[in-house]
Amino acid sequence: MPLSFLIFFGILFVLVCFLRAARIGALVAFLAAGILSGPFGLNLFEMNQTWQLLGDMGILFLWFNIGLEINMSRLWSMRKTIFGLGASQVLTVAVMLFPILFGITRWSVLGCIMVALILAMSSTSEDLQLLSDRNELNTNVGNQSFSILLFQDLLSIPILAMLPVFAGKSFNFGATAIDVAVLSLLLIISVVIVGRFILNPLLKRVVKLKSREALLLTVMLNIVIWATVLDMMGLPVGLGAFLAGMLMSETIYRHQISAEISPYSMLFLAFFFIALGMGLNVPLLLMKWKYILVGLGGLVFIKFMALFMVSRVRGMLVPDAVFMALMLSQGGEFGLLMLQTMKTAGINAIPATSSEVLTATIILSIMTTPMLLAMYDFLRRRGWIFAAYRPRSLDRSGLEIAPKVIVLGFGRVGQIVSKLMEQNCVPYVAIDMDVNAIVRGREKGYNVVFGNCKNADVLRNFGLHPRKTAAVIVALDNAETAKDALLTVKSIAPRVKIFARARNLADCKTLRKYGACNALPETIETAAVLGCRALRHMGMPDTKIHSVLNELRENDYACLDDSVKLSE
């Protein structure tokens, strides 16, 4: 057994490194590792109930993560782009795919509709990673692409809800459509009500325990409860996990939850794709390789044409339209997830052989996207295509304003700093883990959020960026916590200016040592201000007072004798 594990992790390591160097996502590496390690490869492991359970947990976590990204306020602010461009893209692709599927297969009408819809979805994780790697997230094409991906994630609610219908039962289309619309509306309303009035108070009590384990167990319990409830209603358990994610997205703790759950989500997601790879019938796929290649070419071509037409109709430049169409031309995790969910739930909307072929087609399409973009970049660098076009500036309508200043800590000092930022119209965000202070601050209109200042994922989620963040203010009263937070900031944005609060000279020197460009010892500064006010009261001119203060602060308060430094 140890040798099997050694070989397995060796294979996984090589695949992840190689595919990452080729700018292909790690999910493909997990799939390939599953194929190589499974019964049709090296046969290192058997596809038993343990792997099936791990795969099912991965499904739940994947749906949870999708739901966690769908925040109602964000949806509302981007509603025109999301429901305009996103809906147009999905509808156009589905309309183009349906007659082809219905003409060349013997599937039912329901099966063709379902496959057309799931193939219209793209890979959210790969596309967002590609946009981030290319620094395109805040460009016009990045904004449009994100809107399409967000609509696709949102559309998963009604598609999941219709899974029982896709099982092949006869139905009245109008009645079913109404049922799904009502169910989707009820789910969204329940998210807003339960998230804000039940889950928020519950999480408030949990986070007061200051226990990561308690927070993680609360999240896990929330996922399992909603998955169980919807399973008892006859709906897919994935929809329950999706709903749990949407509930968490409506709380003030969603960024911290995302950061805490991220390592576990990635682990279970890896298990899902490994189990998926182990379950693939490789001999069958080798027999059907012609169908897979034809399906791959047809899927990429049809999605490219549909996306290009929709983009041009909405006024995008030709280079942007081509780039976005190439990037979104693949299938996605949603399709793999739906096919696997149907397999585990015993839903036979399409034959098992066709399901295997579709799975392989989607996987290959995900792998081809970086290659297509690399070819596009090569041709454009050589000036062979679109030489006359220049990049178009970003339309920032509907985008969240990125904070210029990040304030770590929302105690007395953090509140004063935040007030100064507001008065001078500087975009900022304050981060703290004191729930009571956060609630009071938000009631007064401060942009303060719940999060761990020492967690790199939390800081990234709230806008810390190497080039876009102007300054970070460390207003934490604990020296060790401040030092850890400072090191985390430096690991993400090494050149950002950090201004820190310190209790005394010793803490001040420590924070400067670890990267703070300016650290003020509050005890000495308070004493200096008090002394100068007394001097002003006794008639000393302001110019002399400023000279005294400058002399005091010069060379890190070097004029203070050792006894004062020790007393601090």
Protein backbone atom coordinates (compact mmCIF):
# COMPACT_ATOMS: atom_id res chain seq x y z
CA MET A 1 0.00 0.00 0.00
CA PRO A 2 2.75 2.60 0.83
CA LEU A 3 4.37 1.89 -2.55
CA SER A 4 1.04 2.48 -4.31
CA PHE A 5 0.66 5.81 -2.53
CA LEU A 6 4.23 6.77 -3.40
CA ILE A 7 3.67 6.03 -7.09
CA PHE A 8 0.30 7.81 -7.05
CA PHE A 9 1.60 11.03 -5.48
CA GLY A 10 4.67 10.92 -7.73
CA ILE A 11 2.39 10.76 -10.78
CA LEU A 12 0.24 13.55 -9.38
CA PHE A 13 3.24 15.78 -8.67
CA VAL A 14 4.69 15.37 -12.15
CA LEU A 15 1.33 15.97 -13.84
CA VAL A 16 0.49 19.08 -11.81
CA CYS A 17 3.93 20.63 -12.43
CA PHE A 18 3.93 19.79 -16.13
CA LEU A 19 0.36 20.97 -16.84
CA ARG A 20 0.80 24.09 -14.72
CA ALA A 21 3.92 24.97 -16.74
CA ALA A 22 1.74 24.52 -19.85
CA ARG A 23 -0.85 26.84 -18.24
CA ILE A 24 -3.40 24.04 -17.98
CA GLY A 25 -5.36 23.80 -14.74
CA ALA A 26 -4.54 21.32 -12.00
CA LEU A 27 -8.01 19.76 -12.33
CA VAL A 28 -6.90 18.09 -15.56
CA ALA A 29 -3.89 16.69 -13.68
CA PHE A 30 -6.20 15.13 -11.09
CA LEU A 31 -8.28 13.57 -13.87
CA ALA A 32 -5.20 12.16 -15.58
CA ALA A 33 -3.86 10.84 -12.25
CA GLY A 34 -7.17 9.08 -11.66
CA ILE A 35 -7.05 7.47 -15.10
CA LEU A 36 -3.44 6.31 -14.67
CA SER A 37 -4.04 5.01 -11.13
CA GLY A 38 -7.40 3.37 -11.78
CA PRO A 39 -8.41 -0.09 -12.96
CA PHE A 40 -7.73 0.77 -16.62
CA GLY A 41 -4.26 2.16 -15.87
CA LEU A 42 -1.68 0.98 -13.34
CA ASN A 43 -4.47 -0.43 -11.14
CA LEU A 44 -2.96 1.10 -7.98
CA PHE A 45 -6.39 1.42 -6.35
CA GLU A 46 -9.81 -0.12 -6.76
CA MET A 47 -12.87 2.03 -7.38
CA ASN A 48 -14.53 1.18 -4.07
CA GLN A 49 -17.06 2.87 -1.78
CA THR A 50 -14.35 4.99 -0.13
CA TRP A 51 -13.38 6.65 -3.39
CA GLN A 52 -17.05 7.03 -4.26
CA LEU A 53 -17.71 8.75 -0.92
CA LEU A 54 -14.74 11.08 -1.42
CA GLY A 55 -16.00 11.88 -4.91
CA ASP A 56 -19.48 12.65 -3.58
CA MET A 57 -17.97 14.99 -0.98
CA GLY A 58 -16.08 16.70 -3.79
CA ILE A 59 -19.35 17.21 -5.65
CA LEU A 60 -20.89 18.88 -2.59
CA PHE A 61 -17.90 21.17 -2.11
CA LEU A 62 -17.83 22.15 -5.77
CA TRP A 63 -21.51 23.13 -5.66
CA PHE A 64 -20.92 24.95 -2.36
CA ASN A 65 -18.09 27.00 -3.85
CA ILE A 66 -20.22 27.96 -6.86
CA GLY A 67 -23.02 29.10 -4.54
CA LEU A 68 -20.57 31.03 -2.34
CA GLU A 69 -19.60 33.22 -5.31
CA ILE A 70 -23.19 34.25 -6.04
CA ASN A 71 -23.89 37.24 -3.83
CA MET A 72 -27.25 39.01 -4.27
CA SER A 73 -25.87 42.55 -4.05
CA ARG A 74 -23.21 41.76 -6.64
CA LEU A 75 -25.79 40.18 -8.93
CA TRP A 76 -28.00 43.26 -8.69
CA SER A 77 -25.16 45.70 -9.44
CA MET A 78 -24.18 43.72 -12.58
CA ARG A 79 -27.66 42.59 -13.54
CA LYS A 80 -27.73 44.17 -17.02
CA THR A 81 -24.48 42.59 -18.16
CA ILE A 82 -25.11 39.25 -16.46
CA PHE A 83 -28.67 38.71 -17.63
CA GLY A 84 -28.09 40.35 -21.02
CA LEU A 85 -24.81 38.97 -22.28
CA GLY A 86 -24.85 35.81 -20.13
CA ALA A 87 -28.38 34.79 -21.11
CA SER A 88 -27.72 35.54 -24.79
CA GLN A 89 -24.60 33.37 -24.81
CA VAL A 90 -26.22 30.34 -23.16
CA LEU A 91 -29.37 30.58 -25.26
CA THR A 92 -27.46 30.96 -28.55
CA VAL A 93 -25.17 27.99 -27.84
CA ALA A 94 -28.08 25.79 -26.71
CA VAL A 95 -30.20 26.71 -29.76
CA MET A 96 -27.30 25.89 -32.10
CA LEU A 97 -26.47 22.60 -30.37
CA PHE A 98 -29.97 21.20 -29.89
CA PRO A 99 -30.91 20.49 -33.57
CA ILE A 100 -27.48 18.93 -34.17
CA LEU A 101 -27.78 16.64 -31.14
CA PHE A 102 -31.37 15.75 -31.98
CA GLY A 103 -30.43 14.96 -35.60
CA ILE A 104 -27.34 12.80 -35.04
CA THR A 105 -28.35 10.93 -31.87
CA ARG A 106 -31.24 8.78 -30.74
CA TRP A 107 -31.62 10.64 -27.46
CA SER A 108 -34.95 11.90 -26.24
CA VAL A 109 -35.91 15.56 -26.62
CA LEU A 110 -35.27 16.03 -22.89
CA GLY A 111 -31.85 14.45 -23.16
CA CYS A 112 -30.88 16.72 -26.07
CA ILE A 113 -32.09 19.81 -24.20
CA MET A 114 -30.13 18.84 -21.10
CA VAL A 115 -26.89 18.12 -22.99
CA ALA A 116 -27.21 21.33 -25.02
CA LEU A 117 -27.54 23.33 -21.78
CA ILE A 118 -24.65 21.69 -19.94
CA LEU A 119 -22.37 22.01 -22.99
CA ALA A 120 -23.23 25.72 -23.13
CA MET A 121 -21.48 26.09 -19.74
CA SER A 122 -17.77 26.93 -19.62
CA SER A 123 -15.05 26.16 -17.10
CA THR A 124 -15.28 28.88 -14.44
CA SER A 125 -12.13 27.83 -12.60
CA GLU A 126 -9.96 27.62 -15.74
CA ASP A 127 -11.25 30.82 -17.33
CA LEU A 128 -10.85 32.92 -14.19
CA GLN A 129 -7.34 31.51 -13.74
CA LEU A 130 -6.48 32.35 -17.36
CA LEU A 131 -7.80 35.90 -16.98
CA SER A 132 -5.84 36.34 -13.76
CA ASP A 133 -2.60 34.97 -15.26
CA ARG A 134 -2.94 37.30 -18.24
CA ASN A 135 -3.88 40.29 -16.02
CA GLU A 136 -7.18 40.59 -17.94
CA LEU A 137 -9.66 40.46 -15.05
CA ASN A 138 -10.13 44.24 -14.98
CA THR A 139 -10.25 44.75 -18.73
CA ASN A 140 -13.40 45.08 -20.78
CA VAL A 141 -13.16 41.49 -22.05
CA GLY A 142 -12.51 40.29 -18.49
CA ASN A 143 -15.61 42.05 -17.20
CA GLN A 144 -17.78 40.60 -19.98
CA SER A 145 -16.35 37.10 -19.52
CA PHE A 146 -16.93 37.21 -15.77
CA SER A 147 -20.56 38.22 -16.34
CA ILE A 148 -21.12 35.22 -18.62
CA LEU A 149 -19.52 32.82 -16.13
CA LEU A 150 -21.60 34.27 -13.30
CA PHE A 151 -24.83 33.81 -15.26
CA GLN A 152 -23.86 30.21 -16.03
CA ASP A 153 -23.33 29.53 -12.33
CA LEU A 154 -26.68 31.10 -11.53
CA LEU A 155 -28.40 29.04 -14.24
CA SER A 156 -27.30 25.89 -12.45
CA ILE A 157 -30.18 26.37 -9.99
CA PRO A 158 -33.01 25.65 -12.48
CA ILE A 159 -30.96 23.04 -14.38
CA LEU A 160 -30.28 21.14 -11.16
CA ALA A 161 -33.91 21.48 -10.14
CA MET A 162 -34.95 19.93 -13.48
CA LEU A 163 -32.75 16.85 -13.10
CA PRO A 164 -35.67 14.63 -12.04
CA VAL A 165 -37.48 15.76 -15.19
CA PHE A 166 -34.49 14.82 -17.32
CA ALA A 167 -34.83 11.28 -15.96
CA GLY A 168 -37.19 10.69 -18.88
CA LYS A 169 -40.58 11.11 -17.24
CA SER A 170 -43.40 12.58 -19.29
CA PHE A 171 -44.24 16.12 -18.34
CA ASN A 172 -46.13 19.22 -19.29
CA PHE A 173 -43.46 21.70 -20.36
CA GLY A 174 -45.39 24.80 -19.29
CA ALA A 175 -46.23 23.41 -15.86
CA THR A 176 -42.66 22.21 -15.29
CA ALA A 177 -41.20 25.55 -16.35
CA ILE A 178 -43.49 27.32 -13.90
CA ASP A 179 -42.56 24.86 -11.14
CA VAL A 180 -38.85 25.41 -11.73
CA ALA A 181 -39.25 29.20 -11.89
CA VAL A 182 -41.22 29.23 -8.64
CA LEU A 183 -38.73 26.89 -6.97
CA SER A 184 -35.78 29.04 -8.08
CA LEU A 185 -37.51 32.18 -6.81
CA LEU A 186 -38.33 30.54 -3.47
CA LEU A 187 -34.73 29.36 -3.10
CA ILE A 188 -33.39 32.87 -3.75
CA ILE A 189 -35.86 34.42 -1.28
CA SER A 190 -34.98 31.80 1.33
CA VAL A 191 -31.29 32.60 0.84
CA VAL A 192 -31.86 36.27 1.61
CA ILE A 193 -34.11 35.61 4.63
CA VAL A 194 -32.27 32.67 6.18
CA GLY A 195 -28.83 34.11 5.44
CA ARG A 196 -29.47 37.49 7.02
CA PHE A 197 -31.83 36.70 9.87
CA ILE A 198 -30.83 33.18 10.95
CA LEU A 199 -27.36 32.31 9.71
CA ASN A 200 -25.77 35.67 10.51
CA PRO A 201 -26.72 35.56 14.24
CA LEU A 202 -25.65 31.90 14.43
CA LEU A 203 -22.27 32.60 12.87
CA LYS A 204 -21.87 35.61 15.14
CA ARG A 205 -22.01 33.31 18.15
CA VAL A 206 -19.68 30.79 16.52
CA VAL A 207 -16.97 33.28 15.59
CA LYS A 208 -17.00 34.67 19.13
CA LEU A 209 -15.58 31.31 20.19
CA LYS A 210 -12.50 32.18 18.10
CA SER A 211 -12.21 28.57 17.01
CA ARG A 212 -11.39 27.65 13.42
CA GLU A 213 -12.67 24.15 14.08
CA ALA A 214 -16.06 25.44 15.21
CA LEU A 215 -16.35 27.65 12.11
CA LEU A 216 -15.39 24.82 9.75
CA LEU A 217 -17.82 22.42 11.40
CA THR A 218 -20.59 25.03 11.13
CA VAL A 219 -19.94 25.33 7.39
CA MET A 220 -19.82 21.54 6.95
CA LEU A 221 -23.01 21.09 8.97
CA ASN A 222 -24.74 23.76 6.90
CA ILE A 223 -23.79 21.94 3.68
CA VAL A 224 -24.95 18.55 4.93
CA ILE A 225 -28.23 19.89 6.41
CA TRP A 226 -29.33 21.55 3.17
CA ALA A 227 -28.17 18.61 1.06
CA THR A 228 -30.24 16.27 3.27
CA VAL A 229 -33.31 18.55 3.21
CA LEU A 230 -33.35 18.80 -0.58
CA ASP A 231 -32.67 15.06 -0.92
CA MET A 232 -35.77 14.42 1.20
CA MET A 233 -37.70 16.74 -1.15
CA GLY A 234 -36.64 14.59 -4.10
CA LEU A 235 -34.17 17.16 -5.43
CA PRO A 236 -30.42 16.63 -6.10
CA VAL A 237 -28.15 16.91 -3.07
CA GLY A 238 -25.87 19.17 -5.12
CA LEU A 239 -28.62 21.79 -5.15
CA GLY A 240 -28.62 21.67 -1.34
CA ALA A 241 -24.86 22.33 -1.23
CA PHE A 242 -25.31 25.11 -3.77
CA LEU A 243 -28.01 26.66 -1.58
CA ALA A 244 -25.72 26.37 1.47
CA GLY A 245 -23.08 28.35 -0.41
CA MET A 246 -25.57 31.05 -1.37
CA LEU A 247 -26.68 31.29 2.26
CA MET A 248 -23.08 31.83 3.37
CA SER A 249 -22.57 34.42 0.62
CA GLU A 250 -25.24 36.61 2.23
CA THR A 251 -23.36 36.84 5.54
CA ILE A 252 -20.60 39.26 6.50
CA TYR A 253 -18.32 36.27 7.10
CA ARG A 254 -18.28 34.91 3.53
CA HIS A 255 -14.71 35.99 2.71
CA GLN A 256 -13.36 34.43 5.89
CA ILE A 257 -15.40 31.28 5.24
CA SER A 258 -14.03 31.13 1.69
CA ALA A 259 -10.46 31.43 2.97
CA GLU A 260 -10.93 28.84 5.73
CA ILE A 261 -12.73 26.29 3.59
CA SER A 262 -10.51 26.74 0.51
CA PRO A 263 -7.85 24.08 1.37
CA TYR A 264 -10.52 21.49 2.21
CA SER A 265 -12.53 22.36 -0.89
CA MET A 266 -9.47 21.90 -3.07
CA LEU A 267 -8.73 18.57 -1.40
CA PHE A 268 -12.23 17.15 -1.89
CA LEU A 269 -12.41 18.65 -5.38
CA ALA A 270 -9.21 16.78 -6.21
CA PHE A 271 -10.80 13.58 -4.89
CA PHE A 272 -13.84 14.19 -7.11
CA PHE A 273 -11.77 14.51 -10.27
CA ILE A 274 -9.49 11.62 -9.30
CA ALA A 275 -12.55 9.42 -8.71
CA LEU A 276 -13.99 10.65 -12.01
CA GLY A 277 -10.79 9.67 -13.81
CA MET A 278 -10.71 6.25 -12.11
CA GLY A 279 -14.29 5.63 -13.22
CA LEU A 280 -13.70 6.43 -16.89
CA ASN A 281 -13.98 3.42 -19.16
CA VAL A 282 -10.71 3.92 -21.04
CA PRO A 283 -11.06 0.93 -23.44
CA LEU A 284 -14.48 2.20 -24.46
CA LEU A 285 -13.13 5.71 -25.03
CA LEU A 286 -10.31 4.34 -27.17
CA MET A 287 -12.90 2.53 -29.27
CA LYS A 288 -14.92 5.75 -29.61
CA TRP A 289 -11.96 8.09 -30.27
CA LYS A 290 -13.39 9.27 -33.59
CA TYR A 291 -16.63 10.34 -31.92
CA ILE A 292 -14.69 12.14 -29.19
CA LEU A 293 -12.54 14.10 -31.66
CA VAL A 294 -15.55 15.02 -33.79
CA GLY A 295 -17.42 16.07 -30.67
CA LEU A 296 -14.46 18.13 -29.49
CA GLY A 297 -14.10 19.96 -32.79
CA GLY A 298 -17.84 20.52 -33.09
CA LEU A 299 -18.22 21.80 -29.51
CA VAL A 300 -15.32 24.28 -29.75
CA PHE A 301 -16.41 25.52 -33.19
CA ILE A 302 -20.09 25.98 -32.31
CA LYS A 303 -19.37 27.71 -29.00
CA PHE A 304 -16.79 29.95 -30.67
CA MET A 305 -19.22 31.04 -33.38
CA ALA A 306 -22.06 31.61 -30.92
CA LEU A 307 -19.91 33.63 -28.53
CA PHE A 308 -18.36 35.66 -31.33
CA MET A 309 -21.77 36.60 -32.74
CA VAL A 310 -23.18 37.56 -29.35
CA SER A 311 -20.09 39.63 -28.53
CA ARG A 312 -20.21 41.52 -31.82
CA VAL A 313 -23.92 42.23 -31.46
CA ARG A 314 -23.15 43.81 -28.08
CA GLY A 315 -20.52 46.07 -29.66
CA MET A 316 -17.26 44.39 -28.64
CA LEU A 317 -14.22 44.92 -30.84
CA VAL A 318 -13.28 42.03 -33.12
CA PRO A 319 -10.04 41.11 -31.22
CA ASP A 320 -11.89 41.15 -27.86
CA ALA A 321 -14.74 39.11 -29.32
CA VAL A 322 -12.34 36.50 -30.76
CA PHE A 323 -10.37 36.30 -27.50
CA MET A 324 -13.47 35.85 -25.36
CA ALA A 325 -14.97 33.31 -27.76
CA LEU A 326 -11.77 31.24 -27.70
CA MET A 327 -11.48 31.42 -23.92
CA LEU A 328 -15.09 30.33 -23.27
CA SER A 329 -15.26 27.74 -26.06
CA GLN A 330 -14.65 24.75 -23.78
CA GLY A 331 -17.01 22.67 -21.68
CA GLY A 332 -16.82 23.06 -17.92
CA GLU A 333 -16.88 21.52 -14.48
CA PHE A 334 -20.65 21.97 -14.45
CA GLY A 335 -21.03 19.52 -17.32
CA LEU A 336 -18.75 16.97 -15.64
CA LEU A 337 -20.60 17.52 -12.39
CA MET A 338 -24.02 17.03 -13.99
CA LEU A 339 -22.95 13.85 -15.78
CA GLN A 340 -21.46 12.43 -12.58
CA THR A 341 -24.51 13.50 -10.53
CA MET A 342 -26.80 11.70 -12.98
CA LYS A 343 -24.59 8.63 -12.85
CA THR A 344 -24.62 8.41 -9.04
CA ALA A 345 -28.35 9.24 -8.86
CA GLY A 346 -29.29 6.62 -11.46
CA ILE A 347 -30.77 9.17 -13.88
CA ASN A 348 -30.58 7.74 -17.41
CA ALA A 349 -31.36 10.80 -19.51
CA ILE A 350 -28.75 9.65 -22.06
CA PRO A 351 -27.06 6.27 -22.58
CA ALA A 352 -24.08 5.42 -20.37
CA THR A 353 -21.76 5.16 -23.39
CA SER A 354 -22.75 8.65 -24.56
CA SER A 355 -22.14 9.97 -21.06
CA GLU A 356 -18.59 8.59 -21.14
CA VAL A 357 -17.95 10.16 -24.55
CA LEU A 358 -19.32 13.52 -23.40
CA THR A 359 -17.13 13.43 -20.30
CA ALA A 360 -14.00 12.80 -22.39
CA THR A 361 -15.01 15.54 -24.85
CA ILE A 362 -15.43 18.11 -22.06
CA ILE A 363 -12.09 17.16 -20.49
CA LEU A 364 -10.25 17.52 -23.80
CA SER A 365 -11.95 20.85 -24.52
CA ILE A 366 -10.70 22.18 -21.17
CA MET A 367 -7.17 21.11 -22.12
CA THR A 368 -7.31 22.75 -25.58
CA THR A 369 -8.27 26.25 -24.38
CA PRO A 370 -4.76 27.33 -23.25
CA MET A 371 -3.38 26.03 -26.55
CA LEU A 372 -5.90 28.06 -28.56
CA LEU A 373 -5.10 31.21 -26.58
CA ALA A 374 -1.36 30.62 -27.02
CA MET A 375 -1.91 30.36 -30.80
CA TYR A 376 -4.01 33.56 -30.72
CA ASP A 377 -1.24 35.41 -28.83
CA PHE A 378 1.42 34.16 -31.24
CA LEU A 379 -0.49 35.29 -34.32
CA ARG A 380 -1.26 38.69 -32.82
CA ARG A 381 2.32 39.28 -31.65
CA ARG A 382 3.54 38.59 -35.18
CA GLY A 383 1.03 41.10 -36.50
CA TRP A 384 -0.67 38.52 -38.68
CA ILE A 385 -4.12 39.24 -37.20
CA PHE A 386 -5.80 42.40 -35.84
CA ALA A 387 -2.72 44.59 -36.35
CA ALA A 388 -4.90 47.66 -36.91
CA TYR A 389 -6.76 47.35 -33.59
CA ARG A 390 -5.71 48.88 -30.30
CA PRO A 391 -6.76 47.65 -26.83
CA ARG A 392 -9.97 49.21 -25.58
CA SER A 393 -10.24 50.73 -22.11
CA LEU A 394 -12.32 49.17 -19.39
CA ASP A 395 -15.96 50.06 -18.94
CA ARG A 396 -16.07 50.19 -15.16
CA SER A 397 -19.84 50.42 -14.84
CA GLY A 398 -21.13 47.79 -12.47
CA LEU A 399 -17.71 46.87 -11.07
CA GLU A 400 -16.93 46.97 -7.39
CA ILE A 401 -14.56 49.81 -6.41
CA ALA A 402 -11.24 48.31 -5.36
CA PRO A 403 -9.97 49.73 -2.07
CA LYS A 404 -6.90 51.95 -2.29
CA VAL A 405 -6.23 51.60 1.43
CA ILE A 406 -6.64 48.49 3.58
CA VAL A 407 -6.97 49.00 7.33
CA LEU A 408 -6.10 45.97 9.44
CA GLY A 409 -7.89 46.27 12.77
CA PHE A 410 -11.03 48.22 13.64
CA GLY A 411 -10.38 49.25 17.22
CA ARG A 412 -10.05 52.87 18.30
CA VAL A 413 -7.14 53.58 15.98
CA GLY A 414 -8.68 51.72 13.04
CA GLN A 415 -11.97 53.60 13.42
CA ILE A 416 -10.23 56.98 13.38
CA VAL A 417 -8.18 56.02 10.31
CA SER A 418 -11.33 54.77 8.56
CA LYS A 419 -13.09 58.04 9.35
CA LEU A 420 -10.21 59.99 7.82
CA MET A 421 -10.40 57.88 4.67
CA GLU A 422 -14.15 58.49 4.38
CA GLN A 423 -13.85 62.24 4.92
CA ASN A 424 -11.26 62.44 2.13
CA CYS A 425 -13.19 60.14 -0.25
CA VAL A 426 -10.46 57.47 -0.33
CA PRO A 427 -11.79 53.95 -1.11
CA TYR A 428 -10.86 51.72 1.81
CA VAL A 429 -11.82 48.54 3.62
CA ALA A 430 -11.24 47.77 7.29
CA ILE A 431 -10.79 44.15 8.41
CA ASP A 432 -11.30 42.81 11.93
CA MET A 433 -12.50 39.70 13.77
CA ASP A 434 -14.38 41.54 16.56
CA VAL A 435 -17.99 40.88 15.55
CA ASN A 436 -19.46 43.52 17.87
CA ALA A 437 -17.15 46.22 16.52
CA ILE A 438 -17.98 45.18 12.95
CA VAL A 439 -21.73 45.32 13.54
CA ARG A 440 -21.51 48.75 15.22
CA GLY A 441 -19.20 50.03 12.48
CA ARG A 442 -21.46 48.86 9.66
CA GLU A 443 -24.46 50.46 11.36
CA LYS A 444 -22.57 53.76 11.31
CA GLY A 445 -21.71 53.36 7.63
CA TYR A 446 -18.09 52.18 7.85
CA ASN A 447 -16.83 49.75 5.23
CA VAL A 448 -15.68 47.17 7.79
CA VAL A 449 -15.74 43.42 7.20
CA PHE A 450 -15.10 40.22 9.11
CA GLY A 451 -11.82 38.49 8.39
CA ASN A 452 -8.52 37.23 9.73
CA CYS A 453 -5.81 39.81 8.97
CA LYS A 454 -3.15 37.08 9.01
CA ASN A 455 -4.82 35.01 6.28
CA ALA A 456 -3.44 35.67 2.80
CA ASP A 457 -6.60 34.47 1.02
CA VAL A 458 -8.72 36.87 3.08
CA LEU A 459 -6.49 39.82 2.21
CA ARG A 460 -6.56 38.93 -1.48
CA ASN A 461 -10.35 38.56 -1.41
CA PHE A 462 -10.70 42.04 0.06
CA GLY A 463 -8.55 43.66 -2.61
CA LEU A 464 -4.91 43.55 -1.55
CA HIS A 465 -2.97 43.72 -4.81
CA PRO A 466 0.75 44.29 -5.53
CA ARG A 467 0.07 47.17 -7.94
CA LYS A 468 -3.39 48.49 -7.09
CA THR A 469 -3.20 48.91 -3.31
CA ALA A 470 -1.80 52.33 -2.33
CA ALA A 471 -1.23 51.65 1.37
CA VAL A 472 -1.91 49.23 4.20
CA ILE A 473 -2.46 50.54 7.72
CA VAL A 474 -1.80 48.05 10.52
CA ALA A 475 -3.94 49.27 13.43
CA LEU A 476 -3.79 46.07 15.50
CA ASP A 477 -3.04 46.43 19.22
CA ASN A 478 -1.27 43.06 19.61
CA ALA A 479 2.38 43.18 18.53
CA GLU A 480 2.62 39.52 17.48
CA THR A 481 -0.61 39.68 15.50
CA ALA A 482 0.54 42.90 13.85
CA LYS A 483 3.87 41.29 12.91
CA ASP A 484 2.15 38.22 11.40
CA ALA A 485 -0.28 40.42 9.47
CA LEU A 486 2.59 42.55 8.19
CA LEU A 487 4.48 39.48 6.96
CA THR A 488 1.35 38.24 5.20
CA VAL A 489 0.89 41.59 3.47
CA LYS A 490 4.53 41.57 2.36
CA SER A 491 4.18 38.05 0.95
CA ILE A 492 1.38 39.28 -1.33
CA ALA A 493 2.48 42.84 -2.11
CA PRO A 494 6.21 43.27 -1.29
CA ARG A 495 6.37 46.91 -2.43
CA VAL A 496 3.19 48.25 -0.83
CA LYS A 497 3.65 51.01 1.78
CA ILE A 498 2.73 49.83 5.28
CA PHE A 499 1.97 52.21 8.14
CA ALA A 500 1.80 50.54 11.52
CA ARG A 501 0.67 51.33 15.02
CA ALA A 502 2.98 50.25 17.86
CA ARG A 503 2.58 50.36 21.62
CA ASN A 504 6.19 51.27 22.36
CA LEU A 505 9.62 51.71 20.82
CA ALA A 506 10.47 48.02 20.98
CA ASP A 507 7.34 47.08 19.00
CA CYS A 508 8.01 49.99 16.67
CA LYS A 509 11.48 48.67 15.83
CA THR A 510 10.14 45.14 15.35
CA LEU A 511 7.49 46.27 12.87
CA ARG A 512 10.01 48.37 10.97
CA LYS A 513 12.34 45.37 10.85
CA TYR A 514 9.62 43.25 9.22
CA GLY A 515 8.74 45.79 6.55
CA ALA A 516 6.68 48.69 7.91
CA CYS A 517 7.83 51.91 6.25
CA ASN A 518 6.43 53.91 9.16
CA ALA A 519 5.59 52.76 12.69
CA LEU A 520 4.41 55.12 15.42
CA PRO A 521 4.72 54.24 19.13
CA GLU A 522 1.42 55.44 20.57
CA THR A 523 2.66 55.97 24.15
CA ILE A 524 5.50 58.26 23.09
CA GLU A 525 3.36 60.11 20.54
CA THR A 526 0.63 60.67 23.14
CA ALA A 527 3.19 61.97 25.63
CA ALA A 528 4.73 64.23 22.96
CA VAL A 529 1.39 65.74 21.97
CA LEU A 530 0.39 66.30 25.61
CA GLY A 531 3.73 67.94 26.38
CA CYS A 532 3.55 70.22 23.33
CA ARG A 533 0.02 71.32 24.21
CA ALA A 534 1.25 72.27 27.64
CA LEU A 535 4.14 74.21 26.08
CA ARG A 536 1.73 76.02 23.74
CA HIS A 537 -0.45 76.90 26.75
CA MET A 538 2.62 78.42 28.41
CA GLY A 539 3.26 80.65 25.38
CA MET A 540 5.79 78.72 23.29
CA PRO A 541 5.36 79.62 19.58
CA ASP A 542 4.12 77.00 17.11
CA THR A 543 7.34 77.03 15.09
CA LYS A 544 9.32 76.07 18.20
CA ILE A 545 6.78 73.34 19.06
CA HIS A 546 7.07 71.84 15.55
CA SER A 547 10.85 71.92 15.90
CA VAL A 548 10.60 70.05 19.22
CA LEU A 549 8.35 67.40 17.69
CA ASN A 550 10.58 66.94 14.63
CA GLU A 551 13.64 66.60 16.83
CA LEU A 552 11.84 64.03 18.97
CA ARG A 553 10.81 61.93 15.97
CA GLU A 554 14.14 62.16 14.21
CA ASN A 555 16.05 58.88 13.78
CA ASP A 556 13.28 56.83 15.41
CA TYR A 557 13.16 58.85 18.64
CA ALA A 558 16.92 58.55 19.10
CA CYS A 559 16.96 61.59 21.40
CA LEU A 560 15.17 59.61 24.13
CA ASP A 561 17.52 58.14 26.68
CA ASP A 562 17.80 54.42 27.40
CA SER A 563 15.76 54.63 30.57
CA VAL A 564 12.75 55.97 28.69
CA LYS A 565 13.15 53.26 26.04
CA LEU A 566 13.26 50.56 28.72
CA SER A 567 10.21 51.97 30.50
CA GLU A 568 8.28 51.82 27.27
